[in-house]
């Protein structure tokens, strides 16, 4: 096999709920979402305030500033993420401005023309549909390989106890 035919190297990251002190390990899916994975890898570490999804069910996410030279195309898309999927979404500022989303007026993403959503899905039965916009396909760019059970427990606690003061971070393993 020549160098140009060599497979994409396996890359791993650590995903953490910082205040709760819970982390898991994920493998980037460079063979399925190479543009997205390269952009994320080059931008690490990433993170921000964590939110728990209202519509998609078993999802936590952080809204971060755009970091890719160009927004990735919709590679390896899904509308039905499974437990352990890491997904990438891009939204405009107006898409997240509806009061029904529950973001506070001084949320850090307010006023940005583009907002990137980095999400972790921790349980089954997710459907990416939004009452305001319809289907919201995401790019599956990583999969959790270790620690999903601990992270799922922490995500459930986040849902019940609240997310204020908690951050979701992504960094190289």
N, C-alpha and C. Protein backbone atom coordinates (compact mmCIF):
# COMPACT_ATOMS: atom_id res chain seq x y z
N UNK A 1 0.86 -1.17 0.00
CA UNK A 1 0.00 0.00 0.00
C UNK A 1 0.91 1.23 0.00
N UNK A 2 0.66 2.15 -0.93
CA UNK A 2 1.47 3.37 -0.98
C UNK A 2 1.03 4.34 0.09
N UNK A 3 1.85 5.36 0.33
CA UNK A 3 1.52 6.35 1.36
C UNK A 3 0.21 7.07 1.06
N UNK A 4 -0.04 7.33 -0.24
CA UNK A 4 -1.28 8.03 -0.61
C UNK A 4 -2.50 7.15 -0.41
N UNK A 5 -2.29 5.81 -0.32
CA UNK A 5 -3.41 4.90 -0.11
C UNK A 5 -3.56 4.47 1.35
N UNK A 6 -2.71 5.00 2.22
CA UNK A 6 -2.76 4.58 3.61
C UNK A 6 -4.06 5.02 4.25
N UNK A 7 -4.58 4.17 5.14
CA UNK A 7 -5.84 4.52 5.79
C UNK A 7 -5.68 5.74 6.69
N UNK A 8 -6.79 6.38 6.97
CA UNK A 8 -6.79 7.52 7.87
C UNK A 8 -6.33 7.05 9.25
N UNK A 9 -5.37 7.76 9.86
CA UNK A 9 -4.92 7.33 11.19
C UNK A 9 -6.05 7.47 12.21
N UNK A 10 -6.09 6.52 13.15
CA UNK A 10 -7.11 6.62 14.19
C UNK A 10 -6.73 7.72 15.16
N UNK A 11 -7.69 8.57 15.45
CA UNK A 11 -7.50 9.67 16.39
C UNK A 11 -8.55 9.56 17.47
N UNK A 12 -8.13 9.86 18.69
CA UNK A 12 -9.01 9.76 19.85
C UNK A 12 -9.06 11.09 20.58
N UNK A 13 -10.23 11.36 21.16
CA UNK A 13 -10.41 12.57 21.96
C UNK A 13 -11.05 12.20 23.29
N UNK A 14 -10.95 13.12 24.23
CA UNK A 14 -11.62 13.01 25.51
C UNK A 14 -12.76 14.02 25.52
N UNK A 15 -13.95 13.56 25.88
CA UNK A 15 -15.13 14.41 26.00
C UNK A 15 -15.48 14.45 27.48
N UNK A 16 -15.65 15.65 28.03
CA UNK A 16 -15.83 15.77 29.48
C UNK A 16 -16.96 16.71 29.86
N UNK A 17 -17.63 16.36 30.94
CA UNK A 17 -18.47 17.28 31.69
C UNK A 17 -17.58 17.72 32.84
N UNK A 18 -17.03 18.91 32.73
CA UNK A 18 -15.93 19.34 33.58
C UNK A 18 -16.29 19.44 35.06
N UNK A 19 -17.38 20.11 35.39
CA UNK A 19 -17.77 20.30 36.79
C UNK A 19 -18.08 18.96 37.47
N UNK A 20 -18.70 18.06 36.73
CA UNK A 20 -19.05 16.75 37.27
C UNK A 20 -17.85 15.80 37.29
N UNK A 21 -16.77 16.16 36.60
CA UNK A 21 -15.57 15.34 36.60
C UNK A 21 -15.75 14.01 35.89
N UNK A 22 -16.58 13.99 34.86
CA UNK A 22 -16.85 12.76 34.12
C UNK A 22 -16.34 12.92 32.69
N UNK A 23 -15.64 11.89 32.22
CA UNK A 23 -15.09 11.91 30.86
C UNK A 23 -15.34 10.59 30.17
N UNK A 24 -15.27 10.64 28.85
CA UNK A 24 -15.31 9.43 28.04
C UNK A 24 -14.33 9.62 26.89
N UNK A 25 -14.01 8.53 26.22
CA UNK A 25 -13.08 8.55 25.10
C UNK A 25 -13.86 8.28 23.82
N UNK A 26 -13.53 9.01 22.77
CA UNK A 26 -14.19 8.83 21.48
C UNK A 26 -13.15 8.72 20.38
N UNK A 27 -13.51 7.94 19.35
CA UNK A 27 -12.68 7.80 18.15
C UNK A 27 -13.29 8.66 17.06
N UNK A 28 -12.47 9.47 16.42
CA UNK A 28 -12.93 10.26 15.30
C UNK A 28 -13.17 9.35 14.10
N UNK A 29 -14.22 9.61 13.35
CA UNK A 29 -14.58 8.80 12.18
C UNK A 29 -14.01 9.43 10.92
N UNK A 30 -12.68 9.50 10.86
CA UNK A 30 -11.99 10.13 9.74
C UNK A 30 -12.24 9.48 8.41
N UNK A 31 -12.61 8.22 8.39
CA UNK A 31 -12.91 7.54 7.14
C UNK A 31 -14.30 7.89 6.62
N UNK A 32 -15.21 8.33 7.48
CA UNK A 32 -16.58 8.63 7.08
C UNK A 32 -16.88 10.13 7.01
N UNK A 33 -16.17 10.91 7.82
CA UNK A 33 -16.38 12.36 7.85
C UNK A 33 -15.01 13.05 7.89
N UNK A 34 -14.20 12.87 6.86
CA UNK A 34 -12.82 13.35 6.90
C UNK A 34 -12.67 14.87 7.01
N UNK A 35 -13.52 15.62 6.36
CA UNK A 35 -13.40 17.08 6.39
C UNK A 35 -13.76 17.60 7.77
N UNK A 36 -14.85 17.08 8.32
CA UNK A 36 -15.29 17.50 9.66
C UNK A 36 -14.27 17.10 10.71
N UNK A 37 -13.79 15.87 10.65
CA UNK A 37 -12.81 15.39 11.64
C UNK A 37 -11.53 16.20 11.59
N UNK A 38 -11.06 16.52 10.41
CA UNK A 38 -9.82 17.30 10.29
C UNK A 38 -10.01 18.70 10.88
N UNK A 39 -11.15 19.31 10.60
CA UNK A 39 -11.42 20.65 11.15
C UNK A 39 -11.48 20.61 12.68
N UNK A 40 -12.16 19.61 13.22
CA UNK A 40 -12.28 19.50 14.68
C UNK A 40 -10.92 19.22 15.30
N UNK A 41 -10.19 18.26 14.76
CA UNK A 41 -8.88 17.90 15.30
C UNK A 41 -7.95 19.11 15.35
N UNK A 42 -7.96 19.89 14.28
CA UNK A 42 -7.08 21.07 14.21
C UNK A 42 -7.51 22.18 15.15
N UNK A 43 -8.78 22.19 15.58
CA UNK A 43 -9.30 23.26 16.44
C UNK A 43 -9.27 22.91 17.93
N UNK A 44 -9.02 21.65 18.27
CA UNK A 44 -9.05 21.25 19.67
C UNK A 44 -8.02 22.00 20.49
N UNK A 45 -8.33 22.31 21.75
CA UNK A 45 -9.53 21.96 22.51
C UNK A 45 -10.70 22.89 22.18
N UNK A 46 -11.90 22.35 22.32
CA UNK A 46 -13.14 23.09 22.09
C UNK A 46 -14.07 22.84 23.27
N UNK A 47 -15.02 23.73 23.47
CA UNK A 47 -16.02 23.51 24.51
C UNK A 47 -16.74 24.77 24.88
N UNK A 48 -17.67 24.61 25.80
CA UNK A 48 -18.44 25.74 26.27
C UNK A 48 -19.54 25.28 27.20
N UNK A 49 -20.43 26.21 27.53
CA UNK A 49 -21.58 25.88 28.38
C UNK A 49 -22.32 24.70 27.78
N UNK A 50 -22.74 23.78 28.63
CA UNK A 50 -23.46 22.61 28.14
C UNK A 50 -24.96 22.88 28.21
N UNK A 51 -25.66 22.33 27.25
CA UNK A 51 -27.13 22.37 27.21
C UNK A 51 -27.61 20.93 27.04
N UNK A 52 -28.80 20.64 27.57
CA UNK A 52 -29.45 19.36 27.32
C UNK A 52 -30.56 19.63 26.31
N UNK A 53 -30.66 18.79 25.31
CA UNK A 53 -31.65 18.99 24.25
C UNK A 53 -33.08 18.95 24.78
N UNK A 54 -33.94 19.71 24.13
CA UNK A 54 -35.37 19.68 24.43
C UNK A 54 -36.09 18.76 23.45
N UNK A 55 -35.70 18.82 22.18
CA UNK A 55 -36.44 18.11 21.14
C UNK A 55 -35.83 16.77 20.76
N UNK A 56 -34.52 16.68 20.68
CA UNK A 56 -33.86 15.46 20.19
C UNK A 56 -33.78 14.36 21.24
N UNK A 57 -34.10 14.66 22.47
CA UNK A 57 -34.17 13.73 23.59
C UNK A 57 -32.86 13.57 24.32
N UNK A 58 -32.08 12.57 24.01
CA UNK A 58 -30.93 12.17 24.82
C UNK A 58 -29.63 12.74 24.27
N UNK A 59 -29.54 14.05 24.31
CA UNK A 59 -28.42 14.78 23.70
C UNK A 59 -27.97 15.89 24.63
N UNK A 60 -26.66 16.04 24.75
CA UNK A 60 -26.07 17.23 25.36
C UNK A 60 -25.19 17.87 24.31
N UNK A 61 -25.00 19.19 24.43
CA UNK A 61 -24.23 19.88 23.41
C UNK A 61 -23.66 21.18 23.94
N UNK A 62 -22.65 21.66 23.23
CA UNK A 62 -22.07 22.98 23.47
C UNK A 62 -22.13 23.76 22.17
N UNK A 63 -22.39 25.05 22.28
CA UNK A 63 -22.41 25.94 21.13
C UNK A 63 -21.09 26.70 21.11
N UNK A 64 -20.35 26.55 20.01
CA UNK A 64 -19.02 27.15 19.91
C UNK A 64 -18.93 28.03 18.67
N UNK A 65 -17.92 28.88 18.66
CA UNK A 65 -17.67 29.72 17.50
C UNK A 65 -17.22 28.86 16.33
N UNK A 66 -17.52 29.26 15.11
CA UNK A 66 -17.03 28.51 13.95
C UNK A 66 -15.50 28.44 13.99
N UNK A 67 -14.95 27.30 13.59
CA UNK A 67 -13.51 27.11 13.65
C UNK A 67 -12.95 26.53 12.37
N UNK A 68 -13.77 26.04 11.48
CA UNK A 68 -13.30 25.44 10.22
C UNK A 68 -13.03 26.54 9.20
N UNK A 69 -12.03 26.35 8.35
CA UNK A 69 -11.78 27.33 7.28
C UNK A 69 -13.03 27.56 6.42
N UNK A 70 -13.77 26.47 6.18
CA UNK A 70 -15.09 26.50 5.52
C UNK A 70 -15.95 25.50 6.25
N UNK A 71 -17.24 25.80 6.38
CA UNK A 71 -18.12 24.85 7.05
C UNK A 71 -18.11 23.52 6.30
N UNK A 72 -17.99 22.40 7.03
CA UNK A 72 -17.94 21.09 6.37
C UNK A 72 -19.24 20.79 5.64
N UNK A 73 -19.13 20.01 4.56
CA UNK A 73 -20.36 19.56 3.88
C UNK A 73 -21.05 18.53 4.75
N UNK A 74 -22.26 18.19 4.40
CA UNK A 74 -23.04 17.22 5.17
C UNK A 74 -22.54 15.81 4.84
N UNK A 75 -21.42 15.43 5.45
CA UNK A 75 -20.84 14.10 5.24
C UNK A 75 -21.24 13.20 6.40
N UNK A 76 -21.48 11.93 6.10
CA UNK A 76 -21.92 10.95 7.10
C UNK A 76 -23.12 11.48 7.90
N UNK A 77 -24.19 11.89 7.20
CA UNK A 77 -25.33 12.51 7.88
C UNK A 77 -26.24 11.50 8.59
N UNK A 78 -26.95 12.03 9.58
CA UNK A 78 -27.98 11.24 10.25
C UNK A 78 -29.09 12.16 10.76
N UNK A 79 -30.27 11.58 10.90
CA UNK A 79 -31.36 12.23 11.64
C UNK A 79 -31.78 11.33 12.80
N UNK A 80 -31.08 10.18 12.95
CA UNK A 80 -31.39 9.23 14.01
C UNK A 80 -30.10 8.79 14.72
N UNK A 81 -29.45 9.70 15.43
CA UNK A 81 -28.20 9.32 16.09
C UNK A 81 -28.41 8.24 17.15
N UNK A 82 -27.38 7.42 17.32
CA UNK A 82 -27.43 6.33 18.28
C UNK A 82 -26.54 6.65 19.48
N UNK A 83 -26.68 5.90 20.58
CA UNK A 83 -25.85 6.17 21.75
C UNK A 83 -24.36 6.13 21.39
N UNK A 84 -23.65 7.16 21.82
CA UNK A 84 -22.23 7.26 21.56
C UNK A 84 -21.87 8.10 20.36
N UNK A 85 -22.86 8.52 19.56
CA UNK A 85 -22.56 9.37 18.41
C UNK A 85 -22.18 10.77 18.85
N UNK A 86 -21.16 11.32 18.21
CA UNK A 86 -20.82 12.74 18.33
C UNK A 86 -21.24 13.38 17.01
N UNK A 87 -22.00 14.46 17.09
CA UNK A 87 -22.52 15.10 15.87
C UNK A 87 -22.13 16.57 15.82
N UNK A 88 -22.08 17.07 14.59
CA UNK A 88 -21.73 18.46 14.29
C UNK A 88 -22.90 19.08 13.55
N UNK A 89 -23.33 20.25 14.00
CA UNK A 89 -24.41 21.00 13.36
C UNK A 89 -23.95 22.44 13.19
N UNK A 90 -24.46 23.09 12.16
CA UNK A 90 -24.22 24.51 11.97
C UNK A 90 -25.56 25.22 11.91
N UNK A 91 -25.68 26.32 12.66
CA UNK A 91 -26.90 27.12 12.67
C UNK A 91 -26.56 28.58 12.45
N UNK A 92 -27.54 29.32 11.96
CA UNK A 92 -27.38 30.78 11.89
C UNK A 92 -27.88 31.35 13.22
N UNK A 93 -27.51 32.59 13.48
CA UNK A 93 -27.95 33.22 14.74
C UNK A 93 -29.47 33.28 14.84
N UNK A 94 -30.16 33.46 13.73
CA UNK A 94 -31.62 33.57 13.80
C UNK A 94 -32.28 32.23 14.07
N UNK A 95 -31.64 31.12 13.68
CA UNK A 95 -32.23 29.81 13.94
C UNK A 95 -32.28 29.50 15.44
N UNK A 96 -31.37 30.08 16.22
CA UNK A 96 -31.33 29.81 17.65
C UNK A 96 -31.86 30.98 18.48
N UNK A 97 -32.51 31.91 17.84
CA UNK A 97 -32.99 33.10 18.55
C UNK A 97 -34.41 32.95 19.08
N UNK A 98 -35.13 31.90 18.70
CA UNK A 98 -36.49 31.71 19.15
C UNK A 98 -36.52 31.50 20.67
N UNK A 99 -37.42 32.20 21.34
CA UNK A 99 -37.50 32.12 22.80
C UNK A 99 -37.77 30.70 23.30
N UNK A 100 -38.42 29.88 22.48
CA UNK A 100 -38.77 28.53 22.92
C UNK A 100 -37.55 27.65 23.16
N UNK A 101 -36.39 28.03 22.66
CA UNK A 101 -35.19 27.22 22.88
C UNK A 101 -34.65 27.37 24.30
N UNK A 102 -34.99 28.44 24.97
CA UNK A 102 -34.61 28.59 26.37
C UNK A 102 -33.24 29.17 26.62
N UNK A 103 -32.57 29.71 25.60
CA UNK A 103 -31.27 30.32 25.83
C UNK A 103 -31.45 31.68 26.48
N UNK A 104 -30.66 31.95 27.50
CA UNK A 104 -30.74 33.21 28.19
C UNK A 104 -30.29 34.35 27.26
N UNK A 105 -30.71 35.56 27.57
CA UNK A 105 -30.39 36.72 26.72
C UNK A 105 -28.90 36.96 26.58
N UNK A 106 -28.12 36.61 27.61
CA UNK A 106 -26.68 36.84 27.53
C UNK A 106 -25.90 35.58 27.18
N UNK A 107 -26.56 34.58 26.56
CA UNK A 107 -25.86 33.36 26.15
C UNK A 107 -24.72 33.72 25.21
N UNK A 108 -23.61 33.01 25.34
CA UNK A 108 -22.39 33.37 24.63
C UNK A 108 -22.52 33.29 23.12
N UNK A 109 -23.48 32.54 22.59
CA UNK A 109 -23.61 32.43 21.14
C UNK A 109 -24.44 33.56 20.51
N UNK A 110 -25.11 34.34 21.33
CA UNK A 110 -25.95 35.42 20.80
C UNK A 110 -25.13 36.40 19.98
N UNK A 111 -25.66 36.80 18.84
CA UNK A 111 -25.00 37.80 18.00
C UNK A 111 -24.00 37.23 17.01
N UNK A 112 -23.71 35.94 17.07
CA UNK A 112 -22.81 35.33 16.09
C UNK A 112 -23.60 35.01 14.83
N UNK A 113 -23.05 35.28 13.66
CA UNK A 113 -23.73 34.97 12.40
C UNK A 113 -23.87 33.46 12.21
N UNK A 114 -22.86 32.71 12.67
CA UNK A 114 -22.86 31.26 12.55
C UNK A 114 -22.52 30.66 13.92
N UNK A 115 -23.24 29.61 14.26
CA UNK A 115 -23.02 28.93 15.53
C UNK A 115 -22.81 27.45 15.23
N UNK A 116 -21.76 26.87 15.80
CA UNK A 116 -21.49 25.44 15.65
C UNK A 116 -21.94 24.73 16.92
N UNK A 117 -22.65 23.65 16.74
CA UNK A 117 -23.19 22.83 17.82
C UNK A 117 -22.44 21.50 17.79
N UNK A 118 -21.71 21.20 18.86
CA UNK A 118 -21.03 19.91 19.01
C UNK A 118 -21.80 19.10 20.03
N UNK A 119 -22.34 17.98 19.60
CA UNK A 119 -23.30 17.22 20.42
C UNK A 119 -22.82 15.81 20.71
N UNK A 120 -23.26 15.31 21.85
CA UNK A 120 -23.04 13.93 22.27
C UNK A 120 -24.40 13.32 22.54
N UNK A 121 -24.67 12.17 21.93
CA UNK A 121 -25.91 11.44 22.15
C UNK A 121 -25.61 10.26 23.06
N UNK A 122 -26.37 10.15 24.17
CA UNK A 122 -26.00 9.19 25.20
C UNK A 122 -26.99 8.05 25.40
N UNK A 123 -28.09 8.07 24.72
CA UNK A 123 -29.09 7.00 24.88
C UNK A 123 -29.82 6.85 23.56
N UNK A 124 -30.71 5.85 23.49
CA UNK A 124 -31.44 5.53 22.26
C UNK A 124 -32.64 6.46 22.04
N UNK A 125 -33.29 6.25 20.90
CA UNK A 125 -34.56 6.89 20.55
C UNK A 125 -34.45 8.39 20.35
N UNK A 126 -33.45 8.80 19.59
CA UNK A 126 -33.28 10.21 19.24
C UNK A 126 -33.78 10.43 17.83
N UNK A 127 -34.40 11.57 17.61
CA UNK A 127 -34.90 11.93 16.29
C UNK A 127 -34.64 13.42 16.10
N UNK A 128 -33.88 13.75 15.08
CA UNK A 128 -33.47 15.14 14.87
C UNK A 128 -34.51 15.89 14.05
N UNK A 129 -35.59 16.24 14.73
CA UNK A 129 -36.65 17.05 14.11
C UNK A 129 -36.94 18.21 15.04
N UNK A 130 -37.15 19.36 14.46
CA UNK A 130 -37.35 20.59 15.20
C UNK A 130 -38.71 21.16 14.82
N UNK A 131 -39.49 21.55 15.79
CA UNK A 131 -40.82 22.08 15.53
C UNK A 131 -40.84 23.33 14.69
N UNK A 132 -39.77 24.12 14.74
CA UNK A 132 -39.70 25.35 13.96
C UNK A 132 -39.16 25.13 12.55
N UNK A 133 -38.26 24.16 12.39
CA UNK A 133 -37.52 24.04 11.13
C UNK A 133 -37.67 22.71 10.41
N UNK A 134 -38.20 21.69 11.08
CA UNK A 134 -38.30 20.37 10.44
C UNK A 134 -37.07 19.53 10.73
N UNK A 135 -36.69 18.69 9.77
CA UNK A 135 -35.55 17.79 9.93
C UNK A 135 -34.26 18.58 10.09
N UNK A 136 -33.39 18.12 10.99
CA UNK A 136 -32.10 18.78 11.24
C UNK A 136 -31.01 17.71 11.17
N UNK A 137 -30.55 17.39 9.95
CA UNK A 137 -29.50 16.37 9.85
C UNK A 137 -28.18 16.87 10.45
N UNK A 138 -27.48 15.95 11.08
CA UNK A 138 -26.18 16.27 11.65
C UNK A 138 -25.11 15.39 11.04
N UNK A 139 -23.87 15.82 11.18
CA UNK A 139 -22.71 15.05 10.71
C UNK A 139 -22.22 14.19 11.88
N UNK A 140 -22.19 12.89 11.70
CA UNK A 140 -21.63 12.00 12.72
C UNK A 140 -20.12 11.96 12.47
N UNK A 141 -19.36 12.52 13.43
CA UNK A 141 -17.91 12.63 13.26
C UNK A 141 -17.11 11.83 14.27
N UNK A 142 -17.78 11.26 15.27
CA UNK A 142 -17.06 10.47 16.27
C UNK A 142 -17.98 9.50 16.95
N UNK A 143 -17.38 8.51 17.61
CA UNK A 143 -18.13 7.53 18.37
C UNK A 143 -17.42 7.25 19.69
N UNK A 144 -18.18 7.19 20.76
CA UNK A 144 -17.59 6.94 22.08
C UNK A 144 -17.19 5.47 22.15
N UNK A 145 -15.94 5.25 22.55
CA UNK A 145 -15.40 3.89 22.64
C UNK A 145 -15.21 3.43 24.08
N UNK A 146 -15.20 4.35 25.01
CA UNK A 146 -14.99 4.01 26.42
C UNK A 146 -15.66 5.04 27.31
N UNK A 147 -16.39 4.57 28.32
CA UNK A 147 -16.96 5.46 29.32
C UNK A 147 -18.35 5.98 29.03
N UNK A 148 -19.05 5.40 28.05
CA UNK A 148 -20.39 5.89 27.72
C UNK A 148 -21.36 5.72 28.90
N UNK A 149 -21.27 4.63 29.63
CA UNK A 149 -22.18 4.41 30.76
C UNK A 149 -22.05 5.52 31.81
N UNK A 150 -20.82 5.85 32.18
CA UNK A 150 -20.58 6.93 33.17
C UNK A 150 -21.09 8.27 32.63
N UNK A 151 -20.82 8.52 31.34
CA UNK A 151 -21.25 9.78 30.75
C UNK A 151 -22.77 9.84 30.68
N UNK A 152 -23.42 8.74 30.33
CA UNK A 152 -24.88 8.71 30.27
C UNK A 152 -25.50 9.01 31.63
N UNK A 153 -24.92 8.44 32.69
CA UNK A 153 -25.41 8.73 34.04
C UNK A 153 -25.26 10.22 34.36
N UNK A 154 -24.13 10.81 33.99
CA UNK A 154 -23.91 12.23 34.24
C UNK A 154 -24.86 13.08 33.40
N UNK A 155 -25.15 12.66 32.18
CA UNK A 155 -26.09 13.40 31.32
C UNK A 155 -27.49 13.37 31.90
N UNK A 156 -27.88 12.21 32.44
CA UNK A 156 -29.19 12.10 33.07
C UNK A 156 -29.27 13.00 34.30
N UNK A 157 -28.18 13.06 35.06
CA UNK A 157 -28.13 13.95 36.21
C UNK A 157 -28.22 15.41 35.76
N UNK A 158 -27.56 15.73 34.67
CA UNK A 158 -27.61 17.08 34.11
C UNK A 158 -29.06 17.44 33.74
N UNK A 159 -29.78 16.49 33.15
CA UNK A 159 -31.18 16.70 32.77
C UNK A 159 -32.03 16.99 34.01
N UNK A 160 -31.83 16.23 35.06
CA UNK A 160 -32.67 16.37 36.25
C UNK A 160 -32.21 17.48 37.18
N UNK A 161 -30.90 17.64 37.36
CA UNK A 161 -30.38 18.60 38.34
C UNK A 161 -30.07 19.97 37.73
N UNK A 162 -29.91 20.02 36.42
CA UNK A 162 -29.65 21.30 35.76
C UNK A 162 -28.24 21.40 35.21
N UNK A 163 -28.10 22.27 34.22
CA UNK A 163 -26.84 22.41 33.50
C UNK A 163 -26.07 23.67 33.87
N UNK A 164 -26.67 24.58 34.64
CA UNK A 164 -25.99 25.83 34.96
C UNK A 164 -24.64 25.59 35.61
N UNK A 165 -23.64 26.27 35.08
CA UNK A 165 -22.29 26.16 35.62
C UNK A 165 -21.49 24.99 35.09
N UNK A 166 -22.10 24.15 34.26
CA UNK A 166 -21.42 22.97 33.71
C UNK A 166 -20.91 23.28 32.30
N UNK A 167 -19.78 22.70 31.96
CA UNK A 167 -19.22 22.86 30.60
C UNK A 167 -18.98 21.49 29.98
N UNK A 168 -19.10 21.46 28.67
CA UNK A 168 -18.80 20.29 27.88
C UNK A 168 -17.54 20.60 27.10
N UNK A 169 -16.52 19.75 27.23
CA UNK A 169 -15.27 20.04 26.54
C UNK A 169 -14.80 18.85 25.72
N UNK A 170 -14.10 19.15 24.65
CA UNK A 170 -13.53 18.20 23.72
C UNK A 170 -12.05 18.51 23.60
N UNK A 171 -11.18 17.51 23.84
CA UNK A 171 -9.75 17.73 23.71
C UNK A 171 -9.09 16.43 23.23
N UNK A 172 -7.87 16.58 22.71
CA UNK A 172 -7.15 15.42 22.25
C UNK A 172 -6.86 14.49 23.42
N UNK A 173 -7.01 13.20 23.19
CA UNK A 173 -6.76 12.19 24.23
C UNK A 173 -5.27 11.96 24.40
